Amino acid sequence: MARDYRKLTVFQLADDLAMGVYGATRTFPNEEKFGLTSQMRRAAVSIAANIVEGSFRDSERDYVHFLEISLGSCAEVGYMLDLARRLGYLAPEACAKLAETQNHCARGLAALLRARRRAQ
């Protein structure tokens, strides 16, 4: 029973966040290529990827599990955005814009998780 993840606002937010993180990390120092750059990109992509993977799981329990992983990755991105700002890799304005998308995504995932848990 595949769910159409493309109809979820939270998926669209996660995809926007991943695109934004990729764009923002292009300007990070070269020595961060295998550090913060890679970690931020991985975590940002993980949010949307786990929504997609969970959408194709048969059980509601599995779907919820993948949404929980997405929410954890979203929290990771929030921390790394703040770290990148404090390290001077992201301008405060750019960080604020990405943090707003990350915050909306986290709230959306939390709401979706509450709804799906009630459905179990």
PDB file of N, CA and C in Angstrom:
ATOM      1  N   MET A   1       0.854  -1.175   0.000  1.00  0.00           N
ATOM      2  CA  MET A   1       0.000   0.000   0.000  1.00  0.00           C
ATOM      3  C   MET A   1       0.899   1.237   0.000  1.00  0.00           C
ATOM      4  N   ALA A   2       1.226   1.717  -1.144  1.00  0.00           N
ATOM      5  CA  ALA A   2       2.090   2.895  -1.246  1.00  0.00           C
ATOM      6  C   ALA A   2       1.273   4.164  -0.992  1.00  0.00           C
ATOM      7  N   ARG A   3       1.830   5.021  -0.184  1.00  0.00           N
ATOM      8  CA  ARG A   3       1.225   6.330   0.084  1.00  0.00           C
ATOM      9  C   ARG A   3       1.884   7.329  -0.865  1.00  0.00           C
ATOM     10  N   ASP A   4       1.151   8.339  -1.302  1.00  0.00           N
ATOM     11  CA  ASP A   4       1.718   9.308  -2.230  1.00  0.00           C
ATOM     12  C   ASP A   4       2.432  10.412  -1.447  1.00  0.00           C
ATOM     13  N   TYR A   5       3.704  10.213  -1.221  1.00  0.00           N
ATOM     14  CA  TYR A   5       4.509  11.157  -0.443  1.00  0.00           C
ATOM     15  C   TYR A   5       4.568  12.539  -1.103  1.00  0.00           C
ATOM     16  N   ARG A   6       4.428  12.592  -2.427  1.00  0.00           N
ATOM     17  CA  ARG A   6       4.523  13.869  -3.143  1.00  0.00           C
ATOM     18  C   ARG A   6       3.405  14.834  -2.769  1.00  0.00           C
ATOM     19  N   LYS A   7       2.316  14.321  -2.229  1.00  0.00           N
ATOM     20  CA  LYS A   7       1.190  15.168  -1.820  1.00  0.00           C
ATOM     21  C   LYS A   7       1.387  15.761  -0.429  1.00  0.00           C
ATOM     22  N   LEU A   8       2.405  15.300   0.285  1.00  0.00           N
ATOM     23  CA  LEU A   8       2.648  15.777   1.642  1.00  0.00           C
ATOM     24  C   LEU A   8       3.425  17.091   1.629  1.00  0.00           C
ATOM     25  N   THR A   9       2.872  18.084   2.285  1.00  0.00           N
ATOM     26  CA  THR A   9       3.567  19.367   2.417  1.00  0.00           C
ATOM     27  C   THR A   9       4.915  19.169   3.091  1.00  0.00           C
ATOM     28  N   VAL A  10       4.960  18.276   4.069  1.00  0.00           N
ATOM     29  CA  VAL A  10       6.203  18.043   4.800  1.00  0.00           C
ATOM     30  C   VAL A  10       7.282  17.452   3.883  1.00  0.00           C
ATOM     31  N   PHE A  11       6.897  16.648   2.919  1.00  0.00           N
ATOM     32  CA  PHE A  11       7.872  16.142   1.955  1.00  0.00           C
ATOM     33  C   PHE A  11       8.418  17.299   1.116  1.00  0.00           C
ATOM     34  N   GLN A  12       7.538  18.177   0.670  1.00  0.00           N
ATOM     35  CA  GLN A  12       7.966  19.325  -0.131  1.00  0.00           C
ATOM     36  C   GLN A  12       8.912  20.219   0.660  1.00  0.00           C
ATOM     37  N   LEU A  13       8.622  20.420   1.955  1.00  0.00           N
ATOM     38  CA  LEU A  13       9.518  21.198   2.809  1.00  0.00           C
ATOM     39  C   LEU A  13      10.873  20.511   2.957  1.00  0.00           C
ATOM     40  N   ALA A  14      10.848  19.190   3.135  1.00  0.00           N
ATOM     41  CA  ALA A  14      12.096  18.426   3.278  1.00  0.00           C
ATOM     42  C   ALA A  14      12.925  18.519   1.999  1.00  0.00           C
ATOM     43  N   ASP A  15      12.273  18.443   0.864  1.00  0.00           N
ATOM     44  CA  ASP A  15      12.970  18.552  -0.412  1.00  0.00           C
ATOM     45  C   ASP A  15      13.562  19.953  -0.578  1.00  0.00           C
ATOM     46  N   ASP A  16      12.788  20.978  -0.228  1.00  0.00           N
ATOM     47  CA  ASP A  16      13.300  22.354  -0.286  1.00  0.00           C
ATOM     48  C   ASP A  16      14.505  22.527   0.635  1.00  0.00           C
ATOM     49  N   LEU A  17      14.436  21.930   1.815  1.00  0.00           N
ATOM     50  CA  LEU A  17      15.544  22.025   2.769  1.00  0.00           C
ATOM     51  C   LEU A  17      16.797  21.352   2.209  1.00  0.00           C
ATOM     52  N   ALA A  18      16.639  20.185   1.621  1.00  0.00           N
ATOM     53  CA  ALA A  18      17.787  19.483   1.030  1.00  0.00           C
ATOM     54  C   ALA A  18      18.421  20.321  -0.071  1.00  0.00           C
ATOM     55  N   MET A  19      17.599  20.891  -0.931  1.00  0.00           N
ATOM     56  CA  MET A  19      18.128  21.745  -2.001  1.00  0.00           C
ATOM     57  C   MET A  19      18.848  22.961  -1.420  1.00  0.00           C
ATOM     58  N   GLY A  20      18.264  23.559  -0.385  1.00  0.00           N
ATOM     59  CA  GLY A  20      18.880  24.718   0.248  1.00  0.00           C
ATOM     60  C   GLY A  20      20.199  24.395   0.920  1.00  0.00           C
ATOM     61  N   VAL A  21      20.255  23.249   1.576  1.00  0.00           N
ATOM     62  CA  VAL A  21      21.500  22.829   2.235  1.00  0.00           C
ATOM     63  C   VAL A  21      22.587  22.573   1.197  1.00  0.00           C
ATOM     64  N   TYR A  22      22.231  21.925   0.099  1.00  0.00           N
ATOM     65  CA  TYR A  22      23.225  21.703  -0.956  1.00  0.00           C
ATOM     66  C   TYR A  22      23.770  23.028  -1.475  1.00  0.00           C
ATOM     67  N   GLY A  23      22.876  23.977  -1.710  1.00  0.00           N
ATOM     68  CA  GLY A  23      23.311  25.284  -2.197  1.00  0.00           C
ATOM     69  C   GLY A  23      24.197  26.006  -1.199  1.00  0.00           C
ATOM     70  N   ALA A  24      23.788  25.992   0.061  1.00  0.00           N
ATOM     71  CA  ALA A  24      24.534  26.714   1.099  1.00  0.00           C
ATOM     72  C   ALA A  24      25.901  26.105   1.357  1.00  0.00           C
ATOM     73  N   THR A  25      26.016  24.793   1.289  1.00  0.00           N
ATOM     74  CA  THR A  25      27.288  24.145   1.615  1.00  0.00           C
ATOM     75  C   THR A  25      28.312  24.243   0.488  1.00  0.00           C
ATOM     76  N   ARG A  26      27.902  24.716  -0.668  1.00  0.00           N
ATOM     77  CA  ARG A  26      28.865  24.901  -1.774  1.00  0.00           C
ATOM     78  C   ARG A  26      29.962  25.900  -1.403  1.00  0.00           C
ATOM     79  N   THR A  27      29.637  26.815  -0.499  1.00  0.00           N
ATOM     80  CA  THR A  27      30.598  27.852  -0.128  1.00  0.00           C
ATOM     81  C   THR A  27      31.392  27.506   1.131  1.00  0.00           C
ATOM     82  N   PHE A  28      31.147  26.339   1.709  1.00  0.00           N
ATOM     83  CA  PHE A  28      31.887  25.946   2.911  1.00  0.00           C
ATOM     84  C   PHE A  28      33.365  25.727   2.559  1.00  0.00           C
ATOM     85  N   PRO A  29      34.238  25.883   3.526  1.00  0.00           N
ATOM     86  CA  PRO A  29      35.671  25.661   3.259  1.00  0.00           C
ATOM     87  C   PRO A  29      35.936  24.246   2.732  1.00  0.00           C
ATOM     88  N   ASN A  30      36.937  24.145   1.889  1.00  0.00           N
ATOM     89  CA  ASN A  30      37.283  22.862   1.287  1.00  0.00           C
ATOM     90  C   ASN A  30      37.632  21.799   2.330  1.00  0.00           C
ATOM     91  N   GLU A  31      38.206  22.228   3.465  1.00  0.00           N
ATOM     92  CA  GLU A  31      38.564  21.233   4.494  1.00  0.00           C
ATOM     93  C   GLU A  31      37.335  20.617   5.153  1.00  0.00           C
ATOM     94  N   GLU A  32      36.156  21.196   4.919  1.00  0.00           N
ATOM     95  CA  GLU A  32      34.909  20.636   5.460  1.00  0.00           C
ATOM     96  C   GLU A  32      34.217  19.687   4.483  1.00  0.00           C
ATOM     97  N   LYS A  33      34.842  19.452   3.335  1.00  0.00           N
ATOM     98  CA  LYS A  33      34.224  18.610   2.301  1.00  0.00           C
ATOM     99  C   LYS A  33      33.783  17.257   2.846  1.00  0.00           C
ATOM    100  N   PHE A  34      34.614  16.632   3.658  1.00  0.00           N
ATOM    101  CA  PHE A  34      34.281  15.319   4.209  1.00  0.00           C
ATOM    102  C   PHE A  34      33.808  15.412   5.655  1.00  0.00           C
ATOM    103  N   GLY A  35      33.609  16.631   6.124  1.00  0.00           N
ATOM    104  CA  GLY A  35      33.141  16.860   7.489  1.00  0.00           C
ATOM    105  C   GLY A  35      31.736  17.410   7.484  1.00  0.00           C
ATOM    106  N   LEU A  36      31.626  18.662   7.880  1.00  0.00           N
ATOM    107  CA  LEU A  36      30.321  19.288   8.044  1.00  0.00           C
ATOM    108  C   LEU A  36      29.527  19.341   6.739  1.00  0.00           C
ATOM    109  N   THR A  37      30.173  19.605   5.634  1.00  0.00           N
ATOM    110  CA  THR A  37      29.463  19.658   4.345  1.00  0.00           C
ATOM    111  C   THR A  37      28.778  18.326   4.064  1.00  0.00           C
ATOM    112  N   SER A  38      29.532  17.263   4.140  1.00  0.00           N
ATOM    113  CA  SER A  38      29.001  15.931   3.868  1.00  0.00           C
ATOM    114  C   SER A  38      27.918  15.544   4.871  1.00  0.00           C
ATOM    115  N   GLN A  39      28.142  15.820   6.136  1.00  0.00           N
ATOM    116  CA  GLN A  39      27.193  15.452   7.184  1.00  0.00           C
ATOM    117  C   GLN A  39      25.878  16.212   7.038  1.00  0.00           C
ATOM    118  N   MET A  40      25.951  17.513   6.755  1.00  0.00           N
ATOM    119  CA  MET A  40      24.731  18.297   6.580  1.00  0.00           C
ATOM    120  C   MET A  40      23.933  17.822   5.375  1.00  0.00           C
ATOM    121  N   ARG A  41      24.618  17.550   4.298  1.00  0.00           N
ATOM    122  CA  ARG A  41      23.936  17.082   3.092  1.00  0.00           C
ATOM    123  C   ARG A  41      23.281  15.724   3.337  1.00  0.00           C
ATOM    124  N   ARG A  42      24.012  14.836   3.972  1.00  0.00           N
ATOM    125  CA  ARG A  42      23.478  13.504   4.251  1.00  0.00           C
ATOM    126  C   ARG A  42      22.224  13.589   5.110  1.00  0.00           C
ATOM    127  N   ALA A  43      22.283  14.392   6.169  1.00  0.00           N
ATOM    128  CA  ALA A  43      21.143  14.509   7.072  1.00  0.00           C
ATOM    129  C   ALA A  43      19.951  15.166   6.375  1.00  0.00           C
ATOM    130  N   ALA A  44      20.203  16.186   5.566  1.00  0.00           N
ATOM    131  CA  ALA A  44      19.112  16.873   4.871  1.00  0.00           C
ATOM    132  C   ALA A  44      18.422  15.947   3.877  1.00  0.00           C
ATOM    133  N   VAL A  45      19.201  15.186   3.129  1.00  0.00           N
ATOM    134  CA  VAL A  45      18.624  14.237   2.170  1.00  0.00           C
ATOM    135  C   VAL A  45      17.882  13.131   2.908  1.00  0.00           C
ATOM    136  N   SER A  46      18.384  12.730   4.056  1.00  0.00           N
ATOM    137  CA  SER A  46      17.766  11.670   4.847  1.00  0.00           C
ATOM    138  C   SER A  46      16.336  12.000   5.251  1.00  0.00           C
ATOM    139  N   ILE A  47      16.043  13.272   5.476  1.00  0.00           N
ATOM    140  CA  ILE A  47      14.687  13.661   5.881  1.00  0.00           C
ATOM    141  C   ILE A  47      13.691  13.242   4.803  1.00  0.00           C
ATOM    142  N   ALA A  48      13.906  13.716   3.598  1.00  0.00           N
ATOM    143  CA  ALA A  48      12.988  13.399   2.496  1.00  0.00           C
ATOM    144  C   ALA A  48      13.054  11.917   2.122  1.00  0.00           C
ATOM    145  N   ALA A  49      14.257  11.350   2.096  1.00  0.00           N
ATOM    146  CA  ALA A  49      14.416   9.952   1.688  1.00  0.00           C
ATOM    147  C   ALA A  49      13.672   8.999   2.623  1.00  0.00           C
ATOM    148  N   ASN A  50      13.671   9.287   3.910  1.00  0.00           N
ATOM    149  CA  ASN A  50      12.958   8.411   4.841  1.00  0.00           C
ATOM    150  C   ASN A  50      11.450   8.581   4.761  1.00  0.00           C
ATOM    151  N   ILE A  51      10.987   9.771   4.399  1.00  0.00           N
ATOM    152  CA  ILE A  51       9.551   9.946   4.144  1.00  0.00           C
ATOM    153  C   ILE A  51       9.150   9.071   2.956  1.00  0.00           C
ATOM    154  N   VAL A  52       9.963   9.106   1.914  1.00  0.00           N
ATOM    155  CA  VAL A  52       9.682   8.302   0.722  1.00  0.00           C
ATOM    156  C   VAL A  52       9.726   6.817   1.058  1.00  0.00           C
ATOM    157  N   GLU A  53      10.792   6.370   1.718  1.00  0.00           N
ATOM    158  CA  GLU A  53      10.914   4.942   2.028  1.00  0.00           C
ATOM    159  C   GLU A  53       9.758   4.466   2.895  1.00  0.00           C
ATOM    160  N   GLY A  54       9.419   5.243   3.924  1.00  0.00           N
ATOM    161  CA  GLY A  54       8.313   4.870   4.795  1.00  0.00           C
ATOM    162  C   GLY A  54       6.984   4.797   4.067  1.00  0.00           C
ATOM    163  N   SER A  55       6.817   5.647   3.059  1.00  0.00           N
ATOM    164  CA  SER A  55       5.572   5.671   2.293  1.00  0.00           C
ATOM    165  C   SER A  55       5.328   4.370   1.534  1.00  0.00           C
ATOM    166  N   PHE A  56       6.375   3.627   1.280  1.00  0.00           N
ATOM    167  CA  PHE A  56       6.243   2.378   0.547  1.00  0.00           C
ATOM    168  C   PHE A  56       6.257   1.147   1.450  1.00  0.00           C
ATOM    169  N   ARG A  57       6.242   1.360   2.747  1.00  0.00           N
ATOM    170  CA  ARG A  57       6.150   0.240   3.682  1.00  0.00           C
ATOM    171  C   ARG A  57       4.691  -0.144   3.865  1.00  0.00           C
ATOM    172  N   ASP A  58       4.458  -1.430   4.049  1.00  0.00           N
ATOM    173  CA  ASP A  58       3.087  -1.928   4.154  1.00  0.00           C
ATOM    174  C   ASP A  58       2.416  -1.581   5.474  1.00  0.00           C
ATOM    175  N   SER A  59       3.168  -1.618   6.552  1.00  0.00           N
ATOM    176  CA  SER A  59       2.534  -1.430   7.855  1.00  0.00           C
ATOM    177  C   SER A  59       2.614   0.017   8.324  1.00  0.00           C
ATOM    178  N   GLU A  60       1.616   0.417   9.066  1.00  0.00           N
ATOM    179  CA  GLU A  60       1.596   1.750   9.661  1.00  0.00           C
ATOM    180  C   GLU A  60       2.754   1.899  10.644  1.00  0.00           C
ATOM    181  N   ARG A  61       3.074   0.823  11.338  1.00  0.00           N
ATOM    182  CA  ARG A  61       4.188   0.844  12.297  1.00  0.00           C
ATOM    183  C   ARG A  61       5.507   1.170  11.600  1.00  0.00           C
ATOM    184  N   ASP A  62       5.749   0.548  10.461  1.00  0.00           N
ATOM    185  CA  ASP A  62       6.972   0.832   9.704  1.00  0.00           C
ATOM    186  C   ASP A  62       6.980   2.269   9.186  1.00  0.00           C
ATOM    187  N   TYR A  63       5.828   2.735   8.712  1.00  0.00           N
ATOM    188  CA  TYR A  63       5.715   4.109   8.221  1.00  0.00           C
ATOM    189  C   TYR A  63       6.087   5.090   9.324  1.00  0.00           C
ATOM    190  N   VAL A  64       5.521   4.884  10.499  1.00  0.00           N
ATOM    191  CA  VAL A  64       5.809   5.745  11.645  1.00  0.00           C
ATOM    192  C   VAL A  64       7.300   5.700  11.984  1.00  0.00           C
ATOM    193  N   HIS A  65       7.887   4.518  11.942  1.00  0.00           N
ATOM    194  CA  HIS A  65       9.316   4.367  12.242  1.00  0.00           C
ATOM    195  C   HIS A  65      10.166   5.239  11.309  1.00  0.00           C
ATOM    196  N   PHE A  66       9.868   5.225  10.014  1.00  0.00           N
ATOM    197  CA  PHE A  66      10.647   6.024   9.069  1.00  0.00           C
ATOM    198  C   PHE A  66      10.385   7.514   9.247  1.00  0.00           C
ATOM    199  N   LEU A  67       9.178   7.876   9.642  1.00  0.00           N
ATOM    200  CA  LEU A  67       8.903   9.286   9.943  1.00  0.00           C
ATOM    201  C   LEU A  67       9.694   9.736  11.170  1.00  0.00           C
ATOM    202  N   GLU A  68       9.849   8.847  12.139  1.00  0.00           N
ATOM    203  CA  GLU A  68      10.657   9.166  13.323  1.00  0.00           C
ATOM    204  C   GLU A  68      12.111   9.394  12.939  1.00  0.00           C
ATOM    205  N   ILE A  69      12.627   8.572  12.041  1.00  0.00           N
ATOM    206  CA  ILE A  69      14.001   8.759  11.555  1.00  0.00           C
ATOM    207  C   ILE A  69      14.121  10.106  10.845  1.00  0.00           C
ATOM    208  N   SER A  70      13.122  10.445  10.037  1.00  0.00           N
ATOM    209  CA  SER A  70      13.118  11.745   9.349  1.00  0.00           C
ATOM    210  C   SER A  70      13.176  12.891  10.344  1.00  0.00           C
ATOM    211  N   LEU A  71      12.378  12.793  11.399  1.00  0.00           N
ATOM    212  CA  LEU A  71      12.364  13.855  12.403  1.00  0.00           C
ATOM    213  C   LEU A  71      13.725  13.973  13.088  1.00  0.00           C
ATOM    214  N   GLY A  72      14.369  12.852  13.376  1.00  0.00           N
ATOM    215  CA  GLY A  72      15.710  12.887  13.960  1.00  0.00           C
ATOM    216  C   GLY A  72      16.713  13.549  13.036  1.00  0.00           C
ATOM    217  N   SER A  73      16.646  13.234  11.756  1.00  0.00           N
ATOM    218  CA  SER A  73      17.546  13.867  10.779  1.00  0.00           C
ATOM    219  C   SER A  73      17.267  15.360  10.677  1.00  0.00           C
ATOM    220  N   CYS A  74      16.014  15.724  10.787  1.00  0.00           N
ATOM    221  CA  CYS A  74      15.639  17.140  10.743  1.00  0.00           C
ATOM    222  C   CYS A  74      16.251  17.889  11.933  1.00  0.00           C
ATOM    223  N   ALA A  75      16.223  17.264  13.094  1.00  0.00           N
ATOM    224  CA  ALA A  75      16.837  17.877  14.277  1.00  0.00           C
ATOM    225  C   ALA A  75      18.348  18.023  14.075  1.00  0.00           C
ATOM    226  N   GLU A  76      18.973  17.020  13.476  1.00  0.00           N
ATOM    227  CA  GLU A  76      20.415  17.096  13.177  1.00  0.00           C
ATOM    228  C   GLU A  76      20.725  18.296  12.298  1.00  0.00           C
ATOM    229  N   VAL A  77      19.933  18.489  11.261  1.00  0.00           N
ATOM    230  CA  VAL A  77      20.160  19.608  10.348  1.00  0.00           C
ATOM    231  C   VAL A  77      20.023  20.926  11.104  1.00  0.00           C
ATOM    232  N   GLY A  78      19.051  21.015  11.997  1.00  0.00           N
ATOM    233  CA  GLY A  78      18.889  22.232  12.786  1.00  0.00           C
ATOM    234  C   GLY A  78      20.137  22.568  13.577  1.00  0.00           C
ATOM    235  N   TYR A  79      20.707  21.562  14.224  1.00  0.00           N
ATOM    236  CA  TYR A  79      21.943  21.782  14.975  1.00  0.00           C
ATOM    237  C   TYR A  79      23.088  22.196  14.052  1.00  0.00           C
ATOM    238  N   MET A  80      23.228  21.488  12.936  1.00  0.00           N
ATOM    239  CA  MET A  80      24.349  21.770  12.037  1.00  0.00           C
ATOM    240  C   MET A  80      24.235  23.138  11.376  1.00  0.00           C
ATOM    241  N   LEU A  81      23.019  23.600  11.132  1.00  0.00           N
ATOM    242  CA  LEU A  81      22.850  24.955  10.613  1.00  0.00           C
ATOM    243  C   LEU A  81      23.372  25.973  11.614  1.00  0.00           C
ATOM    244  N   ASP A  82      23.006  25.790  12.873  1.00  0.00           N
ATOM    245  CA  ASP A  82      23.477  26.707  13.903  1.00  0.00           C
ATOM    246  C   ASP A  82      24.997  26.631  14.062  1.00  0.00           C
ATOM    247  N   LEU A  83      25.539  25.430  14.011  1.00  0.00           N
ATOM    248  CA  LEU A  83      26.990  25.264  14.098  1.00  0.00           C
ATOM    249  C   LEU A  83      27.690  25.970  12.939  1.00  0.00           C
ATOM    250  N   ALA A  84      27.175  25.781  11.728  1.00  0.00           N
ATOM    251  CA  ALA A  84      27.777  26.417  10.553  1.00  0.00           C
ATOM    252  C   ALA A  84      27.730  27.937  10.674  1.00  0.00           C
ATOM    253  N   ARG A  85      26.643  28.465  11.221  1.00  0.00           N
ATOM    254  CA  ARG A  85      26.547  29.916  11.431  1.00  0.00           C
ATOM    255  C   ARG A  85      27.589  30.377  12.442  1.00  0.00           C
ATOM    256  N   ARG A  86      27.726  29.647  13.561  1.00  0.00           N
ATOM    257  CA  ARG A  86      28.682  30.036  14.597  1.00  0.00           C
ATOM    258  C   ARG A  86      30.124  29.912  14.131  1.00  0.00           C
ATOM    259  N   LEU A  87      30.376  28.985  13.218  1.00  0.00           N
ATOM    260  CA  LEU A  87      31.725  28.828  12.654  1.00  0.00           C
ATOM    261  C   LEU A  87      32.017  29.864  11.577  1.00  0.00           C
ATOM    262  N   GLY A  88      31.006  30.607  11.183  1.00  0.00           N
ATOM    263  CA  GLY A  88      31.178  31.619  10.158  1.00  0.00           C
ATOM    264  C   GLY A  88      31.059  31.093   8.742  1.00  0.00           C
ATOM    265  N   TYR A  89      30.552  29.877   8.576  1.00  0.00           N
ATOM    266  CA  TYR A  89      30.401  29.289   7.247  1.00  0.00           C
ATOM    267  C   TYR A  89      29.111  29.740   6.572  1.00  0.00           C
ATOM    268  N   LEU A  90      28.121  30.114   7.366  1.00  0.00           N
ATOM    269  CA  LEU A  90      26.841  30.576   6.839  1.00  0.00           C
ATOM    270  C   LEU A  90      26.564  31.979   7.355  1.00  0.00           C
ATOM    271  N   ALA A  91      26.172  32.856   6.474  1.00  0.00           N
ATOM    272  CA  ALA A  91      25.763  34.203   6.889  1.00  0.00           C
ATOM    273  C   ALA A  91      24.492  34.082   7.729  1.00  0.00           C
ATOM    274  N   PRO A  92      24.328  34.938   8.719  1.00  0.00           N
ATOM    275  CA  PRO A  92      23.137  34.865   9.578  1.00  0.00           C
ATOM    276  C   PRO A  92      21.818  34.864   8.804  1.00  0.00           C
ATOM    277  N   GLU A  93      21.730  35.661   7.736  1.00  0.00           N
ATOM    278  CA  GLU A  93      20.492  35.729   6.949  1.00  0.00           C
ATOM    279  C   GLU A  93      20.219  34.403   6.238  1.00  0.00           C
ATOM    280  N   ALA A  94      21.238  33.829   5.647  1.00  0.00           N
ATOM    281  CA  ALA A  94      21.092  32.551   4.953  1.00  0.00           C
ATOM    282  C   ALA A  94      20.733  31.452   5.940  1.00  0.00           C
ATOM    283  N   CYS A  95      21.370  31.485   7.090  1.00  0.00           N
ATOM    284  CA  CYS A  95      21.079  30.494   8.123  1.00  0.00           C
ATOM    285  C   CYS A  95      19.643  30.631   8.605  1.00  0.00           C
ATOM    286  N   ALA A  96      19.196  31.859   8.806  1.00  0.00           N
ATOM    287  CA  ALA A  96      17.828  32.088   9.294  1.00  0.00           C
ATOM    288  C   ALA A  96      16.796  31.555   8.306  1.00  0.00           C
ATOM    289  N   LYS A  97      17.047  31.747   7.030  1.00  0.00           N
ATOM    290  CA  LYS A  97      16.111  31.255   6.011  1.00  0.00           C
ATOM    291  C   LYS A  97      16.044  29.728   6.021  1.00  0.00           C
ATOM    292  N   LEU A  98      17.198  29.080   6.064  1.00  0.00           N
ATOM    293  CA  LEU A  98      17.223  27.614   6.113  1.00  0.00           C
ATOM    294  C   LEU A  98      16.647  27.096   7.432  1.00  0.00           C
ATOM    295  N   ALA A  99      16.946  27.785   8.521  1.00  0.00           N
ATOM    296  CA  ALA A  99      16.426  27.369   9.825  1.00  0.00           C
ATOM    297  C   ALA A  99      14.904  27.471   9.864  1.00  0.00           C
ATOM    298  N   GLU A 100      14.356  28.450   9.189  1.00  0.00           N
ATOM    299  CA  GLU A 100      12.897  28.575   9.134  1.00  0.00           C
ATOM    300  C   GLU A 100      12.286  27.383   8.393  1.00  0.00           C
ATOM    301  N   THR A 101      12.877  27.001   7.270  1.00  0.00           N
ATOM    302  CA  THR A 101      12.401  25.829   6.528  1.00  0.00           C
ATOM    303  C   THR A 101      12.553  24.576   7.371  1.00  0.00           C
ATOM    304  N   GLN A 102      13.693  24.447   8.058  1.00  0.00           N
ATOM    305  CA  GLN A 102      13.931  23.286   8.921  1.00  0.00           C
ATOM    306  C   GLN A 102      12.895  23.236  10.037  1.00  0.00           C
ATOM    307  N   ASN A 103      12.584  24.371  10.631  1.00  0.00           N
ATOM    308  CA  ASN A 103      11.614  24.440  11.715  1.00  0.00           C
ATOM    309  C   ASN A 103      10.214  24.046  11.228  1.00  0.00           C
ATOM    310  N   HIS A 104       9.809  24.557  10.070  1.00  0.00           N
ATOM    311  CA  HIS A 104       8.508  24.186   9.494  1.00  0.00           C
ATOM    312  C   HIS A 104       8.458  22.690   9.204  1.00  0.00           C
ATOM    313  N   CYS A 105       9.549  22.173   8.689  1.00  0.00           N
ATOM    314  CA  CYS A 105       9.631  20.743   8.380  1.00  0.00           C
ATOM    315  C   CYS A 105       9.507  19.911   9.660  1.00  0.00           C
ATOM    316  N   ALA A 106      10.221  20.296  10.696  1.00  0.00           N
ATOM    317  CA  ALA A 106      10.165  19.560  11.968  1.00  0.00           C
ATOM    318  C   ALA A 106       8.755  19.592  12.561  1.00  0.00           C
ATOM    319  N   ARG A 107       8.121  20.747  12.525  1.00  0.00           N
ATOM    320  CA  ARG A 107       6.752  20.851  13.049  1.00  0.00           C
ATOM    321  C   ARG A 107       5.785  20.005  12.228  1.00  0.00           C
ATOM    322  N   GLY A 108       5.962  20.010  10.917  1.00  0.00           N
ATOM    323  CA  GLY A 108       5.119  19.200  10.046  1.00  0.00           C
ATOM    324  C   GLY A 108       5.308  17.720  10.280  1.00  0.00           C
ATOM    325  N   LEU A 109       6.554  17.307  10.444  1.00  0.00           N
ATOM    326  CA  LEU A 109       6.820  15.893  10.740  1.00  0.00           C
ATOM    327  C   LEU A 109       6.231  15.484  12.084  1.00  0.00           C
ATOM    328  N   ALA A 110       6.357  16.343  13.080  1.00  0.00           N
ATOM    329  CA  ALA A 110       5.803  16.038  14.407  1.00  0.00           C
ATOM    330  C   ALA A 110       4.288  15.894  14.327  1.00  0.00           C
ATOM    331  N   ALA A 111       3.631  16.768  13.572  1.00  0.00           N
ATOM    332  CA  ALA A 111       2.172  16.688  13.423  1.00  0.00           C
ATOM    333  C   ALA A 111       1.771  15.420  12.674  1.00  0.00           C
ATOM    334  N   LEU A 112       2.501  15.094  11.610  1.00  0.00           N
ATOM    335  CA  LEU A 112       2.209  13.872  10.859  1.00  0.00           C
ATOM    336  C   LEU A 112       2.414  12.640  11.730  1.00  0.00           C
ATOM    337  N   LEU A 113       3.462  12.641  12.524  1.00  0.00           N
ATOM    338  CA  LEU A 113       3.709  11.520  13.430  1.00  0.00           C
ATOM    339  C   LEU A 113       2.574  11.366  14.442  1.00  0.00           C
ATOM    340  N   ARG A 114       2.127  12.457  15.019  1.00  0.00           N
ATOM    341  CA  ARG A 114       0.997  12.378  15.968  1.00  0.00           C
ATOM    342  C   ARG A 114      -0.227  11.767  15.305  1.00  0.00           C
ATOM    343  N   ALA A 115      -0.524  12.210  14.102  1.00  0.00           N
ATOM    344  CA  ALA A 115      -1.691  11.697  13.380  1.00  0.00           C
ATOM    345  C   ALA A 115      -1.542  10.224  13.042  1.00  0.00           C
ATOM    346  N   ARG A 116      -0.369   9.827  12.587  1.00  0.00           N
ATOM    347  CA  ARG A 116      -0.168   8.425  12.195  1.00  0.00           C
ATOM    348  C   ARG A 116      -0.148   7.508  13.422  1.00  0.00           C
ATOM    349  N   ARG A 117       0.380   7.991  14.539  1.00  0.00           N
ATOM    350  CA  ARG A 117       0.378   7.186  15.767  1.00  0.00           C
ATOM    351  C   ARG A 117      -1.047   6.928  16.246  1.00  0.00           C
ATOM    352  N   ARG A 118      -1.906   7.942  16.107  1.00  0.00           N
ATOM    353  CA  ARG A 118      -3.307   7.760  16.496  1.00  0.00           C
ATOM    354  C   ARG A 118      -3.994   6.738  15.577  1.00  0.00           C
ATOM    355  N   ALA A 119      -3.535   6.648  14.338  1.00  0.00           N
ATOM    356  CA  ALA A 119      -4.130   5.731  13.362  1.00  0.00           C
ATOM    357  C   ALA A 119      -3.710   4.277  13.595  1.00  0.00           C
ATOM    358  N   GLN A 120      -2.676   4.069  14.401  1.00  0.00           N
ATOM    359  CA  GLN A 120      -2.171   2.696  14.611  1.00  0.00           C
ATOM    360  C   GLN A 120      -3.126   1.870  15.439  1.00  0.00           C
TER     361      GLN A 120
END
